[in-house]
Amino acid sequence: MRRRTRALIELGARVKSTDVSESGLMSTRRFNDDVERLDLFDIYEKRPDLHAAFDFTLCWGVIMCTHDPKVAFESAAMTVKPGGHLYVMIYSPTYHNSPQIVAQRMHCHRNLVTFDERLAYVYEISDRNENAINQLDMLNTFYNWTVPEETIHDWYGACGFEDVITLNRGETNKCAYHVFGRKRS
């Protein structure tokens, strides 16, 4: 959240940053005053003030880490104004669902109790130390769904979006889909 918020602010955007992680919120508050703890699943019933509130919604690496990715997507889509855009990053079925990653995730959740144990493990299995944080992010979440590209495009269509494109379609061995679409006016 912090990196994307900072990049958007530097491009001149007025940004509302939301997350469920208190540490992420604290870190982002250093350079953005509009920061709020928000659960995607609260948007539909508890937060009508966020319905069609934004010209651009960025939901990066969140949807697949929820108990219901489709409903999480619908919640994010609900925040976009007609004519606005939604950008999501959702894990693809290739890498994150591989037998190696599934086995590593099982090991993490069944055998490693403390954060320090998990951190040591990801350093052990990472190809380079600088990739350990990505490994930790991928293995640490309880839910880590993968969603086929066609399904993501179907979700966009069902929520009233058009001109939907997968930005990294030509990328080989993609671990996630980066999908962008415009809400019908």
N, C-alpha and C. Protein backbone atom coordinates (compact mmCIF):
# COMPACT_ATOMS: atom_id res chain seq x y z
N MET A 1 0.83 -1.18 0.00
CA MET A 1 0.00 0.00 0.00
C MET A 1 0.87 1.25 0.00
N ARG A 2 1.86 1.27 0.83
CA ARG A 2 2.69 2.46 1.00
C ARG A 2 3.35 2.88 -0.32
N ARG A 3 3.97 1.93 -1.03
CA ARG A 3 4.67 2.27 -2.27
C ARG A 3 3.73 2.79 -3.33
N ARG A 4 2.58 2.15 -3.47
CA ARG A 4 1.62 2.58 -4.50
C ARG A 4 1.00 3.92 -4.15
N THR A 5 0.70 4.13 -2.88
CA THR A 5 0.18 5.43 -2.44
C THR A 5 1.18 6.53 -2.75
N ARG A 6 2.41 6.30 -2.39
CA ARG A 6 3.45 7.32 -2.61
C ARG A 6 3.60 7.62 -4.11
N ALA A 7 3.61 6.59 -4.93
CA ALA A 7 3.75 6.80 -6.38
C ALA A 7 2.58 7.61 -6.93
N LEU A 8 1.37 7.29 -6.52
CA LEU A 8 0.19 8.03 -7.00
C LEU A 8 0.22 9.48 -6.54
N ILE A 9 0.61 9.72 -5.31
CA ILE A 9 0.71 11.09 -4.80
C ILE A 9 1.76 11.87 -5.59
N GLU A 10 2.89 11.24 -5.87
CA GLU A 10 3.94 11.91 -6.64
C GLU A 10 3.49 12.23 -8.06
N LEU A 11 2.52 11.46 -8.57
CA LEU A 11 1.96 11.74 -9.90
C LEU A 11 0.86 12.81 -9.85
N GLY A 12 0.54 13.28 -8.64
CA GLY A 12 -0.43 14.36 -8.50
C GLY A 12 -1.81 13.92 -8.07
N ALA A 13 -2.01 12.66 -7.77
CA ALA A 13 -3.33 12.17 -7.37
C ALA A 13 -3.62 12.51 -5.91
N ARG A 14 -4.90 12.69 -5.63
CA ARG A 14 -5.38 12.76 -4.24
C ARG A 14 -5.77 11.33 -3.90
N VAL A 15 -5.19 10.77 -2.85
CA VAL A 15 -5.30 9.34 -2.58
C VAL A 15 -5.93 9.07 -1.22
N LYS A 16 -6.88 8.14 -1.19
CA LYS A 16 -7.40 7.58 0.05
C LYS A 16 -6.78 6.19 0.15
N SER A 17 -5.99 5.97 1.18
CA SER A 17 -5.31 4.69 1.37
C SER A 17 -6.06 3.87 2.41
N THR A 18 -6.36 2.62 2.07
CA THR A 18 -7.07 1.75 3.01
C THR A 18 -6.35 0.41 3.12
N ASP A 19 -6.49 -0.19 4.29
CA ASP A 19 -5.89 -1.50 4.54
C ASP A 19 -6.48 -2.04 5.83
N VAL A 20 -6.24 -3.31 6.10
CA VAL A 20 -6.61 -3.89 7.39
C VAL A 20 -5.40 -3.98 8.32
N SER A 21 -4.22 -3.77 7.78
CA SER A 21 -2.98 -3.87 8.55
C SER A 21 -2.66 -2.55 9.22
N GLU A 22 -2.62 -2.55 10.55
CA GLU A 22 -2.30 -1.33 11.29
C GLU A 22 -0.89 -0.85 10.98
N SER A 23 0.06 -1.76 10.81
CA SER A 23 1.42 -1.33 10.51
C SER A 23 1.49 -0.69 9.12
N GLY A 24 0.75 -1.23 8.15
CA GLY A 24 0.69 -0.63 6.83
C GLY A 24 0.08 0.76 6.87
N LEU A 25 -0.96 0.91 7.67
CA LEU A 25 -1.61 2.22 7.81
C LEU A 25 -0.67 3.24 8.46
N MET A 26 0.01 2.82 9.52
CA MET A 26 0.94 3.72 10.21
C MET A 26 2.05 4.18 9.27
N SER A 27 2.58 3.25 8.51
CA SER A 27 3.66 3.57 7.58
C SER A 27 3.19 4.56 6.51
N THR A 28 1.98 4.38 6.03
CA THR A 28 1.45 5.25 4.97
C THR A 28 1.07 6.62 5.50
N ARG A 29 0.68 6.71 6.75
CA ARG A 29 0.31 8.00 7.35
C ARG A 29 1.48 8.99 7.38
N ARG A 30 2.69 8.51 7.21
CA ARG A 30 3.85 9.41 7.20
C ARG A 30 3.79 10.40 6.05
N PHE A 31 3.11 10.04 4.95
CA PHE A 31 3.07 10.94 3.80
C PHE A 31 1.68 11.10 3.19
N ASN A 32 0.66 10.49 3.79
CA ASN A 32 -0.71 10.65 3.31
C ASN A 32 -1.64 10.81 4.52
N ASP A 33 -2.39 11.89 4.55
CA ASP A 33 -3.29 12.14 5.67
C ASP A 33 -4.59 11.36 5.58
N ASP A 34 -4.98 10.94 4.38
CA ASP A 34 -6.25 10.24 4.18
C ASP A 34 -6.02 8.73 4.19
N VAL A 35 -5.89 8.19 5.38
CA VAL A 35 -5.61 6.76 5.59
C VAL A 35 -6.66 6.20 6.53
N GLU A 36 -7.18 5.03 6.19
CA GLU A 36 -8.27 4.46 6.98
C GLU A 36 -8.19 2.93 7.00
N ARG A 37 -8.48 2.36 8.15
CA ARG A 37 -8.62 0.90 8.26
C ARG A 37 -9.95 0.54 7.62
N LEU A 38 -9.91 -0.37 6.65
CA LEU A 38 -11.11 -0.75 5.94
C LEU A 38 -11.03 -2.20 5.51
N ASP A 39 -12.06 -2.94 5.80
CA ASP A 39 -12.21 -4.31 5.34
C ASP A 39 -13.06 -4.25 4.07
N LEU A 40 -12.58 -4.85 3.00
CA LEU A 40 -13.34 -4.86 1.73
C LEU A 40 -14.78 -5.32 1.91
N PHE A 41 -14.99 -6.23 2.82
CA PHE A 41 -16.32 -6.81 3.00
C PHE A 41 -17.30 -5.87 3.72
N ASP A 42 -16.80 -4.74 4.20
CA ASP A 42 -17.67 -3.75 4.84
C ASP A 42 -18.25 -2.76 3.84
N ILE A 43 -17.71 -2.71 2.64
CA ILE A 43 -18.11 -1.68 1.68
C ILE A 43 -19.58 -1.77 1.30
N TYR A 44 -20.07 -2.95 1.03
CA TYR A 44 -21.44 -3.10 0.52
C TYR A 44 -22.49 -2.55 1.49
N GLU A 45 -22.48 -3.01 2.73
CA GLU A 45 -23.53 -2.63 3.67
C GLU A 45 -23.16 -1.48 4.60
N LYS A 46 -21.91 -1.43 5.02
CA LYS A 46 -21.53 -0.48 6.07
C LYS A 46 -20.94 0.83 5.56
N ARG A 47 -20.56 0.87 4.28
CA ARG A 47 -19.87 2.05 3.77
C ARG A 47 -20.46 2.56 2.45
N PRO A 48 -21.74 2.95 2.44
CA PRO A 48 -22.33 3.47 1.20
C PRO A 48 -21.64 4.76 0.74
N ASP A 49 -20.93 5.45 1.64
CA ASP A 49 -20.20 6.65 1.26
C ASP A 49 -19.07 6.34 0.27
N LEU A 50 -18.67 5.07 0.19
CA LEU A 50 -17.60 4.67 -0.74
C LEU A 50 -18.14 4.14 -2.07
N HIS A 51 -19.44 3.98 -2.18
CA HIS A 51 -20.02 3.49 -3.44
C HIS A 51 -19.85 4.57 -4.51
N ALA A 52 -19.27 4.20 -5.64
CA ALA A 52 -19.03 5.11 -6.76
C ALA A 52 -18.33 6.39 -6.30
N ALA A 53 -17.35 6.25 -5.43
CA ALA A 53 -16.67 7.40 -4.85
C ALA A 53 -15.37 7.79 -5.55
N PHE A 54 -14.79 6.88 -6.34
CA PHE A 54 -13.43 7.11 -6.84
C PHE A 54 -13.34 7.02 -8.36
N ASP A 55 -12.46 7.86 -8.91
CA ASP A 55 -12.17 7.81 -10.34
C ASP A 55 -11.27 6.62 -10.67
N PHE A 56 -10.48 6.20 -9.69
CA PHE A 56 -9.53 5.10 -9.89
C PHE A 56 -9.40 4.34 -8.58
N THR A 57 -9.61 3.04 -8.66
CA THR A 57 -9.41 2.17 -7.50
C THR A 57 -8.33 1.17 -7.85
N LEU A 58 -7.37 1.05 -6.98
CA LEU A 58 -6.27 0.10 -7.13
C LEU A 58 -6.38 -0.92 -6.01
N CYS A 59 -6.53 -2.18 -6.37
CA CYS A 59 -6.64 -3.25 -5.39
C CYS A 59 -5.53 -4.25 -5.70
N TRP A 60 -4.42 -4.08 -5.03
CA TRP A 60 -3.20 -4.81 -5.35
C TRP A 60 -2.94 -5.90 -4.31
N GLY A 61 -3.00 -7.15 -4.74
CA GLY A 61 -2.61 -8.25 -3.87
C GLY A 61 -3.51 -8.48 -2.68
N VAL A 62 -4.79 -8.14 -2.80
CA VAL A 62 -5.71 -8.27 -1.68
C VAL A 62 -6.78 -9.33 -1.97
N ILE A 63 -7.38 -9.27 -3.12
CA ILE A 63 -8.55 -10.08 -3.45
C ILE A 63 -8.31 -11.57 -3.21
N MET A 64 -7.16 -12.07 -3.60
CA MET A 64 -6.90 -13.50 -3.49
C MET A 64 -6.55 -13.93 -2.07
N CYS A 65 -6.39 -12.97 -1.18
CA CYS A 65 -6.06 -13.29 0.21
C CYS A 65 -7.27 -13.19 1.12
N THR A 66 -8.47 -13.21 0.55
CA THR A 66 -9.71 -13.14 1.32
C THR A 66 -10.42 -14.48 1.28
N HIS A 67 -11.43 -14.63 2.12
CA HIS A 67 -12.19 -15.89 2.14
C HIS A 67 -13.09 -16.03 0.92
N ASP A 68 -13.40 -14.93 0.20
CA ASP A 68 -14.26 -14.99 -0.98
C ASP A 68 -13.78 -13.97 -2.01
N PRO A 69 -12.87 -14.38 -2.90
CA PRO A 69 -12.30 -13.45 -3.87
C PRO A 69 -13.33 -12.76 -4.76
N LYS A 70 -14.38 -13.44 -5.16
CA LYS A 70 -15.38 -12.83 -6.03
C LYS A 70 -16.09 -11.68 -5.32
N VAL A 71 -16.51 -11.89 -4.09
CA VAL A 71 -17.18 -10.84 -3.33
C VAL A 71 -16.19 -9.70 -3.04
N ALA A 72 -14.95 -10.02 -2.77
CA ALA A 72 -13.93 -8.98 -2.55
C ALA A 72 -13.78 -8.12 -3.81
N PHE A 73 -13.74 -8.77 -4.98
CA PHE A 73 -13.66 -8.03 -6.24
C PHE A 73 -14.88 -7.12 -6.41
N GLU A 74 -16.07 -7.67 -6.16
CA GLU A 74 -17.30 -6.89 -6.31
C GLU A 74 -17.28 -5.67 -5.39
N SER A 75 -16.74 -5.83 -4.19
CA SER A 75 -16.64 -4.71 -3.26
C SER A 75 -15.72 -3.63 -3.79
N ALA A 76 -14.56 -4.02 -4.29
CA ALA A 76 -13.63 -3.04 -4.87
C ALA A 76 -14.27 -2.35 -6.07
N ALA A 77 -14.94 -3.12 -6.93
CA ALA A 77 -15.58 -2.57 -8.12
C ALA A 77 -16.66 -1.57 -7.76
N MET A 78 -17.32 -1.78 -6.65
CA MET A 78 -18.41 -0.91 -6.20
C MET A 78 -17.91 0.51 -5.91
N THR A 79 -16.64 0.67 -5.62
CA THR A 79 -16.12 1.99 -5.25
C THR A 79 -15.83 2.89 -6.45
N VAL A 80 -15.88 2.33 -7.66
CA VAL A 80 -15.50 3.06 -8.86
C VAL A 80 -16.69 3.84 -9.44
N LYS A 81 -16.44 5.12 -9.73
CA LYS A 81 -17.45 5.97 -10.37
C LYS A 81 -17.68 5.51 -11.82
N PRO A 82 -18.87 5.76 -12.38
CA PRO A 82 -19.06 5.54 -13.82
C PRO A 82 -18.00 6.33 -14.60
N GLY A 83 -17.38 5.66 -15.55
CA GLY A 83 -16.29 6.26 -16.32
C GLY A 83 -14.94 6.12 -15.66
N GLY A 84 -14.91 5.66 -14.39
CA GLY A 84 -13.65 5.47 -13.67
C GLY A 84 -13.02 4.13 -13.98
N HIS A 85 -11.89 3.88 -13.38
CA HIS A 85 -11.10 2.68 -13.68
C HIS A 85 -10.79 1.86 -12.43
N LEU A 86 -10.66 0.56 -12.65
CA LEU A 86 -10.28 -0.38 -11.60
C LEU A 86 -9.07 -1.17 -12.08
N TYR A 87 -8.05 -1.22 -11.24
CA TYR A 87 -6.84 -2.00 -11.52
C TYR A 87 -6.69 -3.01 -10.38
N VAL A 88 -6.65 -4.29 -10.74
CA VAL A 88 -6.43 -5.32 -9.74
C VAL A 88 -5.21 -6.15 -10.09
N MET A 89 -4.55 -6.64 -9.07
CA MET A 89 -3.51 -7.64 -9.23
C MET A 89 -3.98 -8.86 -8.44
N ILE A 90 -4.11 -9.97 -9.15
CA ILE A 90 -4.60 -11.22 -8.55
C ILE A 90 -3.68 -12.36 -9.01
N TYR A 91 -3.28 -13.19 -8.07
CA TYR A 91 -2.41 -14.32 -8.41
C TYR A 91 -3.01 -15.19 -9.51
N SER A 92 -2.17 -15.60 -10.42
CA SER A 92 -2.57 -16.51 -11.49
C SER A 92 -2.34 -17.95 -11.04
N PRO A 93 -3.01 -18.90 -11.70
CA PRO A 93 -2.90 -20.31 -11.28
C PRO A 93 -1.54 -20.96 -11.52
N THR A 94 -0.65 -20.31 -12.21
CA THR A 94 0.60 -20.96 -12.59
C THR A 94 1.53 -21.18 -11.40
N TYR A 95 2.11 -20.14 -10.88
CA TYR A 95 3.16 -20.27 -9.87
C TYR A 95 2.63 -20.52 -8.47
N HIS A 96 1.69 -19.73 -8.03
CA HIS A 96 1.23 -19.79 -6.64
C HIS A 96 0.48 -21.07 -6.29
N ASN A 97 0.07 -21.78 -7.28
CA ASN A 97 -0.66 -23.03 -7.06
C ASN A 97 0.19 -24.25 -7.40
N SER A 98 1.45 -24.03 -7.66
CA SER A 98 2.35 -25.13 -8.02
C SER A 98 2.54 -26.05 -6.81
N PRO A 99 2.83 -27.32 -7.06
CA PRO A 99 3.04 -28.25 -5.93
C PRO A 99 4.12 -27.77 -4.96
N GLN A 100 5.17 -27.15 -5.47
CA GLN A 100 6.25 -26.66 -4.61
C GLN A 100 5.74 -25.58 -3.66
N ILE A 101 4.99 -24.62 -4.17
CA ILE A 101 4.49 -23.51 -3.35
C ILE A 101 3.44 -24.01 -2.37
N VAL A 102 2.56 -24.90 -2.81
CA VAL A 102 1.55 -25.45 -1.91
C VAL A 102 2.22 -26.19 -0.75
N ALA A 103 3.25 -26.97 -1.05
CA ALA A 103 3.98 -27.69 0.00
C ALA A 103 4.67 -26.71 0.97
N GLN A 104 5.25 -25.64 0.43
CA GLN A 104 5.90 -24.64 1.28
C GLN A 104 4.88 -23.94 2.17
N ARG A 105 3.71 -23.61 1.61
CA ARG A 105 2.66 -22.95 2.40
C ARG A 105 2.18 -23.88 3.51
N MET A 106 1.98 -25.16 3.18
CA MET A 106 1.55 -26.13 4.21
C MET A 106 2.59 -26.21 5.32
N HIS A 107 3.86 -26.28 4.94
CA HIS A 107 4.94 -26.35 5.95
C HIS A 107 4.88 -25.11 6.85
N CYS A 108 4.71 -23.96 6.23
CA CYS A 108 4.66 -22.70 6.97
C CYS A 108 3.53 -22.70 8.00
N HIS A 109 2.34 -23.11 7.58
CA HIS A 109 1.17 -23.03 8.46
C HIS A 109 1.09 -24.17 9.46
N ARG A 110 1.68 -25.30 9.13
CA ARG A 110 1.59 -26.45 10.04
C ARG A 110 2.75 -26.53 11.03
N ASN A 111 3.92 -26.03 10.63
CA ASN A 111 5.11 -26.28 11.44
C ASN A 111 5.77 -25.04 12.03
N LEU A 112 5.50 -23.87 11.48
CA LEU A 112 6.20 -22.67 11.93
C LEU A 112 5.23 -21.78 12.68
N VAL A 113 5.54 -21.51 13.92
CA VAL A 113 4.61 -20.80 14.79
C VAL A 113 4.90 -19.30 14.84
N THR A 114 6.15 -18.94 15.01
CA THR A 114 6.48 -17.53 15.22
C THR A 114 6.85 -16.86 13.89
N PHE A 115 6.79 -15.55 13.92
CA PHE A 115 7.20 -14.77 12.75
C PHE A 115 8.68 -15.03 12.44
N ASP A 116 9.50 -15.09 13.46
CA ASP A 116 10.93 -15.32 13.26
C ASP A 116 11.19 -16.66 12.56
N GLU A 117 10.43 -17.69 12.93
CA GLU A 117 10.58 -18.99 12.26
C GLU A 117 10.19 -18.89 10.78
N ARG A 118 9.11 -18.19 10.51
CA ARG A 118 8.67 -18.03 9.11
C ARG A 118 9.66 -17.21 8.30
N LEU A 119 10.18 -16.16 8.90
CA LEU A 119 11.16 -15.33 8.22
C LEU A 119 12.43 -16.12 7.90
N ALA A 120 12.92 -16.89 8.86
CA ALA A 120 14.11 -17.72 8.63
C ALA A 120 13.85 -18.71 7.50
N TYR A 121 12.64 -19.27 7.47
CA TYR A 121 12.28 -20.24 6.43
C TYR A 121 12.28 -19.59 5.05
N VAL A 122 11.70 -18.41 4.92
CA VAL A 122 11.66 -17.79 3.60
C VAL A 122 13.05 -17.38 3.12
N TYR A 123 13.92 -16.99 4.02
CA TYR A 123 15.30 -16.73 3.61
C TYR A 123 15.95 -18.01 3.12
N GLU A 124 15.64 -19.11 3.76
CA GLU A 124 16.20 -20.42 3.39
C GLU A 124 15.74 -20.84 1.99
N ILE A 125 14.49 -20.60 1.65
CA ILE A 125 13.96 -21.09 0.36
C ILE A 125 14.04 -20.07 -0.76
N SER A 126 14.36 -18.81 -0.45
CA SER A 126 14.44 -17.78 -1.49
C SER A 126 15.69 -17.93 -2.33
N ASP A 127 15.55 -17.64 -3.62
CA ASP A 127 16.70 -17.71 -4.51
C ASP A 127 17.70 -16.59 -4.22
N ARG A 128 17.18 -15.44 -3.75
CA ARG A 128 18.01 -14.30 -3.37
C ARG A 128 17.40 -13.66 -2.13
N ASN A 129 18.24 -13.13 -1.26
CA ASN A 129 17.73 -12.52 -0.02
C ASN A 129 16.69 -11.43 -0.28
N GLU A 130 16.89 -10.66 -1.34
CA GLU A 130 15.94 -9.58 -1.62
C GLU A 130 14.57 -10.09 -2.04
N ASN A 131 14.45 -11.37 -2.36
CA ASN A 131 13.15 -11.96 -2.70
C ASN A 131 12.43 -12.56 -1.49
N ALA A 132 13.07 -12.57 -0.35
CA ALA A 132 12.48 -13.20 0.84
C ALA A 132 11.16 -12.55 1.22
N ILE A 133 11.07 -11.23 1.10
CA ILE A 133 9.82 -10.56 1.48
C ILE A 133 8.66 -11.00 0.59
N ASN A 134 8.94 -11.24 -0.69
CA ASN A 134 7.89 -11.73 -1.59
C ASN A 134 7.46 -13.15 -1.20
N GLN A 135 8.42 -13.96 -0.85
CA GLN A 135 8.10 -15.32 -0.39
C GLN A 135 7.26 -15.28 0.87
N LEU A 136 7.65 -14.43 1.81
CA LEU A 136 6.91 -14.31 3.07
C LEU A 136 5.48 -13.87 2.80
N ASP A 137 5.32 -12.87 1.95
CA ASP A 137 4.00 -12.37 1.59
C ASP A 137 3.14 -13.49 0.99
N MET A 138 3.73 -14.28 0.13
CA MET A 138 3.00 -15.35 -0.55
C MET A 138 2.65 -16.51 0.39
N LEU A 139 3.54 -16.84 1.30
CA LEU A 139 3.33 -18.02 2.15
C LEU A 139 2.60 -17.70 3.44
N ASN A 140 2.64 -16.47 3.89
CA ASN A 140 2.15 -16.13 5.21
C ASN A 140 0.63 -16.04 5.29
N THR A 141 -0.03 -15.63 4.22
CA THR A 141 -1.48 -15.47 4.27
C THR A 141 -2.17 -16.82 4.33
N PHE A 142 -3.25 -16.88 5.08
CA PHE A 142 -3.99 -18.14 5.20
C PHE A 142 -4.69 -18.46 3.88
N TYR A 143 -5.41 -17.48 3.33
CA TYR A 143 -6.04 -17.65 2.02
C TYR A 143 -5.08 -17.14 0.98
N ASN A 144 -4.95 -17.88 -0.09
CA ASN A 144 -4.05 -17.49 -1.17
C ASN A 144 -4.58 -18.10 -2.47
N TRP A 145 -5.79 -17.68 -2.83
CA TRP A 145 -6.45 -18.24 -4.01
C TRP A 145 -5.72 -17.84 -5.29
N THR A 146 -5.90 -18.65 -6.31
CA THR A 146 -5.48 -18.28 -7.65
C THR A 146 -6.74 -18.23 -8.49
N VAL A 147 -6.79 -17.29 -9.42
CA VAL A 147 -8.00 -17.06 -10.19
C VAL A 147 -7.64 -17.04 -11.67
N PRO A 148 -8.32 -17.83 -12.50
CA PRO A 148 -8.04 -17.80 -13.93
C PRO A 148 -8.33 -16.43 -14.55
N GLU A 149 -7.55 -16.06 -15.53
CA GLU A 149 -7.70 -14.76 -16.20
C GLU A 149 -9.12 -14.56 -16.74
N GLU A 150 -9.68 -15.57 -17.35
CA GLU A 150 -11.04 -15.46 -17.90
C GLU A 150 -12.07 -15.15 -16.81
N THR A 151 -11.89 -15.74 -15.65
CA THR A 151 -12.81 -15.49 -14.53
C THR A 151 -12.73 -14.03 -14.10
N ILE A 152 -11.52 -13.48 -14.02
CA ILE A 152 -11.35 -12.09 -13.64
C ILE A 152 -12.06 -11.18 -14.65
N HIS A 153 -11.88 -11.47 -15.93
CA HIS A 153 -12.55 -10.68 -16.97
C HIS A 153 -14.07 -10.80 -16.84
N ASP A 154 -14.56 -11.99 -16.51
CA ASP A 154 -16.00 -12.17 -16.29
C ASP A 154 -16.49 -11.32 -15.12
N TRP A 155 -15.72 -11.26 -14.05
CA TRP A 155 -16.10 -10.44 -12.90
C TRP A 155 -16.21 -8.97 -13.30
N TYR A 156 -15.25 -8.49 -14.07
CA TYR A 156 -15.30 -7.11 -14.55
C TYR A 156 -16.60 -6.87 -15.33
N GLY A 157 -16.89 -7.75 -16.27
CA GLY A 157 -18.09 -7.59 -17.09
C GLY A 157 -19.36 -7.58 -16.25
N ALA A 158 -19.45 -8.49 -15.30
CA ALA A 158 -20.64 -8.59 -14.44
C ALA A 158 -20.81 -7.36 -13.56
N CYS A 159 -19.72 -6.64 -13.30
CA CYS A 159 -19.79 -5.44 -12.46
C CYS A 159 -19.89 -4.15 -13.30
N GLY A 160 -20.12 -4.29 -14.60
CA GLY A 160 -20.35 -3.13 -15.44
C GLY A 160 -19.12 -2.47 -16.01
N PHE A 161 -18.05 -3.21 -16.18
CA PHE A 161 -16.82 -2.65 -16.74
C PHE A 161 -16.68 -3.05 -18.20
N GLU A 162 -16.00 -2.20 -18.95
CA GLU A 162 -15.70 -2.48 -20.36
C GLU A 162 -14.24 -2.12 -20.62
N ASP A 163 -13.79 -2.38 -21.83
CA ASP A 163 -12.40 -2.11 -22.20
C ASP A 163 -11.44 -2.77 -21.20
N VAL A 164 -11.77 -3.98 -20.80
CA VAL A 164 -10.97 -4.70 -19.80
C VAL A 164 -9.78 -5.35 -20.50
N ILE A 165 -8.60 -5.12 -19.94
CA ILE A 165 -7.40 -5.71 -20.52
C ILE A 165 -6.51 -6.28 -19.41
N THR A 166 -5.82 -7.34 -19.77
CA THR A 166 -4.77 -7.86 -18.89
C THR A 166 -3.48 -7.22 -19.34
N LEU A 167 -2.93 -6.39 -18.50
CA LEU A 167 -1.77 -5.58 -18.87
C LEU A 167 -0.52 -6.42 -19.12
N ASN A 168 -0.41 -7.55 -18.47
CA ASN A 168 0.78 -8.38 -18.63
C ASN A 168 0.47 -9.68 -19.38
N ARG A 169 -0.48 -9.63 -20.29
CA ARG A 169 -0.89 -10.83 -21.04
C ARG A 169 0.29 -11.51 -21.72
N GLY A 170 1.20 -10.76 -22.31
CA GLY A 170 2.31 -11.34 -23.05
C GLY A 170 3.46 -11.84 -22.19
N GLU A 171 3.38 -11.62 -20.91
CA GLU A 171 4.45 -12.03 -20.00
C GLU A 171 4.45 -13.55 -19.84
N THR A 172 5.61 -14.14 -19.98
CA THR A 172 5.71 -15.59 -19.77
C THR A 172 5.90 -15.86 -18.28
N ASN A 173 5.41 -16.98 -17.83
CA ASN A 173 5.55 -17.39 -16.42
C ASN A 173 5.06 -16.34 -15.44
N LYS A 174 3.93 -15.74 -15.74
CA LYS A 174 3.42 -14.70 -14.83
C LYS A 174 2.90 -15.33 -13.55
N CYS A 175 3.18 -14.68 -12.44
CA CYS A 175 2.70 -15.19 -11.15
C CYS A 175 1.40 -14.49 -10.77
N ALA A 176 1.04 -13.43 -11.50
CA ALA A 176 -0.20 -12.70 -11.21
C ALA A 176 -0.72 -12.07 -12.49
N TYR A 177 -2.01 -11.78 -12.47
CA TYR A 177 -2.62 -11.02 -13.56
C TYR A 177 -2.78 -9.58 -13.10
N HIS A 178 -2.44 -8.66 -13.98
CA HIS A 178 -2.64 -7.23 -13.76
C HIS A 178 -3.74 -6.82 -14.73
N VAL A 179 -4.92 -6.57 -14.19
CA VAL A 179 -6.11 -6.35 -15.04
C VAL A 179 -6.67 -4.96 -14.78
N PHE A 180 -7.05 -4.29 -15.86
CA PHE A 180 -7.48 -2.90 -15.84
C PHE A 180 -8.76 -2.78 -16.65
N GLY A 181 -9.73 -2.04 -16.15
CA GLY A 181 -10.96 -1.85 -16.89
C GLY A 181 -11.64 -0.54 -16.53
N ARG A 182 -12.55 -0.09 -17.41
CA ARG A 182 -13.28 1.16 -17.23
C ARG A 182 -14.75 0.85 -16.97
N LYS A 183 -15.31 1.49 -15.95
CA LYS A 183 -16.72 1.29 -15.62
C LYS A 183 -17.57 2.08 -16.61
N ARG A 184 -18.60 1.41 -17.12
CA ARG A 184 -19.48 2.08 -18.08
C ARG A 184 -20.07 3.35 -17.47
N SER A 185 -20.19 4.37 -18.31
CA SER A 185 -20.78 5.65 -17.87
C SER A 185 -22.29 5.56 -17.84
